[in-house]
């Protein structure tokens, strides 16, 4: 049996695995490849490149792109939409870290000498 990290099913479960071509990603989002390129230009998502140089997107990147598309569809310009999504993602990460710290409970404070 191959090591766990190399089993194909693990790659399918990995939300960061770049499984989708630009065309497929655009189709799934109901948008155009140009929209995905624009998200890259605004540094919202950076697709990985295949050996042939083609862009590949992960499920995580598609979720981020879908949120940006929602904002653009509501009338937000793409630059502002990208900034909003970045800030939302940072806020979610900060909340996740805060939750983990709270779950660990109070930590002993180092003693200070007077």
C-alpha atoms as a PDB file:
ATOM      1  CA  UNK A   1       0.000   0.000   0.000  1.00  0.00           C
ATOM      2  CA  UNK A   2       1.433   3.430  -0.913  1.00  0.00           C
ATOM      3  CA  UNK A   3       2.273   5.885   1.862  1.00  0.00           C
ATOM      4  CA  UNK A   4      -0.731   7.891   3.031  1.00  0.00           C
ATOM      5  CA  UNK A   5       0.520  11.170   1.525  1.00  0.00           C
ATOM      6  CA  UNK A   6       0.656   9.709  -1.965  1.00  0.00           C
ATOM      7  CA  UNK A   7      -2.705   7.928  -2.106  1.00  0.00           C
ATOM      8  CA  UNK A   8      -4.933   9.588  -4.743  1.00  0.00           C
ATOM      9  CA  UNK A   9      -7.932   9.732  -2.411  1.00  0.00           C
ATOM     10  CA  UNK A  10      -5.946  11.912   0.001  1.00  0.00           C
ATOM     11  CA  UNK A  11      -5.384  14.452  -2.762  1.00  0.00           C
ATOM     12  CA  UNK A  12      -9.130  14.560  -3.419  1.00  0.00           C
ATOM     13  CA  UNK A  13      -9.759  15.273   0.263  1.00  0.00           C
ATOM     14  CA  UNK A  14      -7.091  18.007   0.367  1.00  0.00           C
ATOM     15  CA  UNK A  15      -8.780  21.381  -0.122  1.00  0.00           C
ATOM     16  CA  UNK A  16      -5.426  22.905  -1.105  1.00  0.00           C
ATOM     17  CA  UNK A  17      -4.647  20.373  -3.859  1.00  0.00           C
ATOM     18  CA  UNK A  18      -4.652  22.189  -7.241  1.00  0.00           C
ATOM     19  CA  UNK A  19      -7.094  19.872  -8.993  1.00  0.00           C
ATOM     20  CA  UNK A  20      -8.992  22.251 -11.296  1.00  0.00           C
ATOM     21  CA  UNK A  21      -7.902  23.756 -14.592  1.00  0.00           C
ATOM     22  CA  UNK A  22      -8.696  27.380 -15.290  1.00  0.00           C
ATOM     23  CA  UNK A  23     -11.479  26.426 -17.696  1.00  0.00           C
ATOM     24  CA  UNK A  24     -13.080  24.008 -15.245  1.00  0.00           C
ATOM     25  CA  UNK A  25     -12.731  26.480 -12.362  1.00  0.00           C
ATOM     26  CA  UNK A  26     -14.363  29.256 -14.407  1.00  0.00           C
ATOM     27  CA  UNK A  27     -17.171  26.889 -15.423  1.00  0.00           C
ATOM     28  CA  UNK A  28     -17.786  25.827 -11.820  1.00  0.00           C
ATOM     29  CA  UNK A  29     -17.950  29.478 -10.704  1.00  0.00           C
ATOM     30  CA  UNK A  30     -20.067  30.572 -13.646  1.00  0.00           C
ATOM     31  CA  UNK A  31     -17.485  33.152 -14.647  1.00  0.00           C
ATOM     32  CA  UNK A  32     -14.726  33.614 -17.205  1.00  0.00           C
ATOM     33  CA  UNK A  33     -11.031  32.772 -17.191  1.00  0.00           C
ATOM     34  CA  UNK A  34     -10.419  36.544 -17.402  1.00  0.00           C
ATOM     35  CA  UNK A  35     -12.134  36.966 -14.031  1.00  0.00           C
ATOM     36  CA  UNK A  36      -9.837  34.352 -12.494  1.00  0.00           C
ATOM     37  CA  UNK A  37      -6.798  36.052 -14.027  1.00  0.00           C
ATOM     38  CA  UNK A  38      -7.982  39.379 -12.576  1.00  0.00           C
ATOM     39  CA  UNK A  39      -8.205  37.805  -9.104  1.00  0.00           C
ATOM     40  CA  UNK A  40      -4.621  36.694  -9.561  1.00  0.00           C
ATOM     41  CA  UNK A  41      -3.552  40.181 -10.651  1.00  0.00           C
ATOM     42  CA  UNK A  42      -5.104  41.583  -7.469  1.00  0.00           C
ATOM     43  CA  UNK A  43      -3.275  38.888  -5.465  1.00  0.00           C
ATOM     44  CA  UNK A  44      -6.421  37.324  -4.074  1.00  0.00           C
ATOM     45  CA  UNK A  45      -5.540  33.860  -5.330  1.00  0.00           C
ATOM     46  CA  UNK A  46      -2.333  32.546  -6.821  1.00  0.00           C
ATOM     47  CA  UNK A  47      -2.927  29.354  -8.771  1.00  0.00           C
ATOM     48  CA  UNK A  48      -0.256  26.723  -8.942  1.00  0.00           C
ATOM     49  CA  UNK A  49       1.172  25.946 -12.336  1.00  0.00           C
ATOM     50  CA  UNK A  50       1.215  22.522 -13.960  1.00  0.00           C
ATOM     51  CA  UNK A  51       4.424  21.248 -15.540  1.00  0.00           C
ATOM     52  CA  UNK A  52       3.105  22.664 -18.810  1.00  0.00           C
ATOM     53  CA  UNK A  53       2.577  26.094 -17.220  1.00  0.00           C
ATOM     54  CA  UNK A  54      -1.222  25.897 -16.985  1.00  0.00           C
ATOM     55  CA  UNK A  55      -3.000  27.410 -13.982  1.00  0.00           C
ATOM     56  CA  UNK A  56      -4.478  24.964 -11.477  1.00  0.00           C
ATOM     57  CA  UNK A  57      -6.889  25.917  -8.706  1.00  0.00           C
ATOM     58  CA  UNK A  58      -7.732  24.259  -5.389  1.00  0.00           C
ATOM     59  CA  UNK A  59     -11.142  23.976  -3.750  1.00  0.00           C
ATOM     60  CA  UNK A  60     -10.042  26.559  -1.187  1.00  0.00           C
ATOM     61  CA  UNK A  61      -9.138  29.003  -3.982  1.00  0.00           C
ATOM     62  CA  UNK A  62     -12.483  28.356  -5.667  1.00  0.00           C
ATOM     63  CA  UNK A  63     -14.329  29.222  -2.439  1.00  0.00           C
ATOM     64  CA  UNK A  64     -12.348  32.471  -2.201  1.00  0.00           C
ATOM     65  CA  UNK A  65     -13.043  33.258  -5.869  1.00  0.00           C
ATOM     66  CA  UNK A  66     -16.752  32.493  -5.403  1.00  0.00           C
ATOM     67  CA  UNK A  67     -16.948  34.998  -2.538  1.00  0.00           C
ATOM     68  CA  UNK A  68     -15.219  37.648  -4.678  1.00  0.00           C
ATOM     69  CA  UNK A  69     -17.685  36.960  -7.478  1.00  0.00           C
ATOM     70  CA  UNK A  70     -20.623  37.444  -5.075  1.00  0.00           C
ATOM     71  CA  UNK A  71     -19.291  40.872  -4.141  1.00  0.00           C
ATOM     72  CA  UNK A  72     -18.643  41.846  -7.773  1.00  0.00           C
ATOM     73  CA  UNK A  73     -22.136  40.668  -8.732  1.00  0.00           C
ATOM     74  CA  UNK A  74     -23.488  42.984  -5.986  1.00  0.00           C
ATOM     75  CA  UNK A  75     -21.720  45.953  -7.589  1.00  0.00           C
ATOM     76  CA  UNK A  76     -18.410  46.047  -5.717  1.00  0.00           C
ATOM     77  CA  UNK A  77     -15.436  46.749  -7.962  1.00  0.00           C
ATOM     78  CA  UNK A  78     -12.993  43.877  -8.240  1.00  0.00           C
ATOM     79  CA  UNK A  79     -10.149  45.573  -6.371  1.00  0.00           C
ATOM     80  CA  UNK A  80     -12.398  46.340  -3.379  1.00  0.00           C
ATOM     81  CA  UNK A  81     -13.937  42.861  -3.543  1.00  0.00           C
ATOM     82  CA  UNK A  82     -10.477  41.276  -3.352  1.00  0.00           C
ATOM     83  CA  UNK A  83      -9.539  43.430  -0.361  1.00  0.00           C
ATOM     84  CA  UNK A  84     -12.802  42.568   1.422  1.00  0.00           C
ATOM     85  CA  UNK A  85     -12.275  38.839   0.863  1.00  0.00           C
ATOM     86  CA  UNK A  86      -8.686  39.052   2.123  1.00  0.00           C
ATOM     87  CA  UNK A  87      -9.846  40.847   5.278  1.00  0.00           C
ATOM     88  CA  UNK A  88     -12.684  38.347   5.814  1.00  0.00           C
ATOM     89  CA  UNK A  89     -10.199  35.485   5.486  1.00  0.00           C
ATOM     90  CA  UNK A  90      -7.801  37.129   7.958  1.00  0.00           C
ATOM     91  CA  UNK A  91     -10.633  37.700  10.418  1.00  0.00           C
ATOM     92  CA  UNK A  92     -11.726  34.064  10.162  1.00  0.00           C
ATOM     93  CA  UNK A  93      -8.154  32.890  10.791  1.00  0.00           C
ATOM     94  CA  UNK A  94      -7.840  35.206  13.833  1.00  0.00           C
ATOM     95  CA  UNK A  95     -11.122  33.838  15.207  1.00  0.00           C
ATOM     96  CA  UNK A  96      -9.922  30.275  14.689  1.00  0.00           C
ATOM     97  CA  UNK A  97      -6.649  31.004  16.506  1.00  0.00           C
ATOM     98  CA  UNK A  98      -8.510  32.749  19.337  1.00  0.00           C
ATOM     99  CA  UNK A  99     -10.806  29.740  19.714  1.00  0.00           C
ATOM    100  CA  UNK A 100      -7.804  27.395  19.919  1.00  0.00           C
ATOM    101  CA  UNK A 101      -6.167  29.559  22.566  1.00  0.00           C
ATOM    102  CA  UNK A 102      -9.364  29.681  24.620  1.00  0.00           C
ATOM    103  CA  UNK A 103      -9.739  25.906  24.358  1.00  0.00           C
ATOM    104  CA  UNK A 104      -6.250  25.456  25.825  1.00  0.00           C
ATOM    105  CA  UNK A 105      -7.238  27.474  28.871  1.00  0.00           C
ATOM    106  CA  UNK A 106      -5.203  29.974  30.822  1.00  0.00           C
ATOM    107  CA  UNK A 107      -1.473  29.566  30.473  1.00  0.00           C
ATOM    108  CA  UNK A 108       0.852  30.063  33.424  1.00  0.00           C
ATOM    109  CA  UNK A 109       2.546  33.462  33.339  1.00  0.00           C
ATOM    110  CA  UNK A 110       6.319  33.606  33.752  1.00  0.00           C
ATOM    111  CA  UNK A 111       7.412  34.920  37.103  1.00  0.00           C
ATOM    112  CA  UNK A 112       9.054  38.307  37.088  1.00  0.00           C
ATOM    113  CA  UNK A 113      11.674  39.393  39.558  1.00  0.00           C
ATOM    114  CA  UNK A 114      11.148  42.660  41.360  1.00  0.00           C
END
